[in-house]
Amino acid sequence: MWDDNWRSELESVDYLCYIRLCECRNRKQDMIKMAKLMYKYNKWSTPEDCLIRMMEWMDMNSQWELADLNQKEFDEALDIIKQI
């Protein structure tokens, strides 16, 4: 079961990103930041699992362009997420 309490931390550390999440108007940098927080709260998973879950979340919220990462962007995002 996924722990989605990362959203509360997002609200306190980056309120504007949190508002963009609520309004379904995130940026790629937001998606990576949120995947990193998701990983922090779900250490049983892998950084890749969290990034893919976040990409799926963006896709489900009609932000499919954010989920369209090429391999280089995907690898760079994983490197950022791993730096906890």
Protein backbone atom coordinates (compact mmCIF):
# COMPACT_ATOMS: atom_id res chain seq x y z
CA MET A 1 0.00 0.00 0.00
CA TRP A 2 1.36 3.39 -1.00
CA ASP A 3 1.85 6.06 1.66
CA ASP A 4 0.64 9.30 0.09
CA ASN A 5 1.45 11.47 3.11
CA TRP A 6 4.21 12.98 0.99
CA ARG A 7 1.56 15.43 -0.19
CA SER A 8 1.41 17.04 3.26
CA GLU A 9 5.16 17.55 3.21
CA LEU A 10 4.95 18.96 -0.30
CA GLU A 11 2.37 21.48 0.90
CA SER A 12 4.70 22.68 3.66
CA VAL A 13 7.99 22.70 1.69
CA ASP A 14 6.75 23.92 -1.71
CA TYR A 15 3.27 25.34 -1.49
CA LEU A 16 3.20 26.53 -5.11
CA CYS A 17 4.05 23.04 -6.35
CA TYR A 18 1.29 21.67 -4.12
CA ILE A 19 -1.21 24.15 -5.61
CA ARG A 20 -0.15 23.15 -9.13
CA LEU A 21 -0.73 19.50 -8.11
CA CYS A 22 -4.22 20.33 -6.86
CA GLU A 23 -5.00 22.25 -10.02
CA CYS A 24 -3.49 19.61 -12.38
CA ARG A 25 -1.03 22.04 -13.91
CA ASN A 26 2.36 20.70 -12.83
CA ARG A 27 5.73 21.07 -14.51
CA LYS A 28 8.30 18.35 -15.19
CA GLN A 29 10.40 19.60 -12.29
CA ASP A 30 7.35 19.28 -10.04
CA MET A 31 6.80 15.72 -11.15
CA ILE A 32 10.39 14.80 -10.27
CA LYS A 33 10.17 16.60 -6.92
CA MET A 34 6.95 14.76 -6.09
CA ALA A 35 8.39 11.39 -7.15
CA LYS A 36 11.34 12.06 -4.85
CA LEU A 37 9.02 12.80 -1.93
CA MET A 38 6.98 9.73 -2.81
CA TYR A 39 10.14 7.64 -2.60
CA LYS A 40 11.00 9.19 0.77
CA TYR A 41 7.66 7.98 2.16
CA ASN A 42 7.71 4.62 0.36
CA LYS A 43 11.25 3.29 0.86
CA TRP A 44 9.98 -0.25 0.23
CA SER A 45 9.66 0.73 -3.42
CA THR A 46 12.35 1.75 -5.89
CA PRO A 47 13.01 5.22 -7.30
CA GLU A 48 11.93 3.86 -10.67
CA ASP A 49 8.61 2.62 -9.23
CA CYS A 50 7.95 6.06 -7.76
CA LEU A 51 8.80 7.89 -10.96
CA ILE A 52 6.60 5.57 -13.02
CA ARG A 53 3.75 5.93 -10.53
CA MET A 54 4.09 9.71 -10.66
CA MET A 55 4.19 9.63 -14.47
CA GLU A 56 0.99 7.56 -14.45
CA TRP A 57 -0.55 10.02 -11.99
CA MET A 58 0.27 12.91 -14.32
CA ASP A 59 -1.16 10.98 -17.26
CA MET A 60 -4.41 10.24 -15.40
CA ASN A 61 -4.75 13.94 -14.59
CA SER A 62 -4.56 14.99 -18.25
CA GLN A 63 -0.94 16.08 -17.97
CA TRP A 64 0.28 13.39 -20.35
CA GLU A 65 2.99 15.64 -21.79
CA LEU A 66 4.81 15.44 -18.44
CA ALA A 67 4.86 11.67 -18.58
CA ASP A 68 6.49 11.68 -22.01
CA LEU A 69 10.13 11.42 -20.92
CA ASN A 70 12.84 10.22 -23.25
CA GLN A 71 15.42 7.78 -21.85
CA LYS A 72 17.92 10.52 -20.98
CA GLU A 73 15.28 12.55 -19.09
CA PHE A 74 14.08 9.41 -17.32
CA ASP A 75 17.62 8.49 -16.23
CA GLU A 76 18.34 12.04 -15.06
CA ALA A 77 15.10 12.09 -13.06
CA LEU A 78 16.04 8.79 -11.41
CA ASP A 79 19.42 10.23 -10.41
CA ILE A 80 17.65 13.15 -8.72
CA ILE A 81 15.13 10.91 -6.94
CA LYS A 82 17.89 8.67 -5.58
CA GLN A 83 19.52 11.65 -3.82
CA ILE A 84 17.56 11.56 -0.58
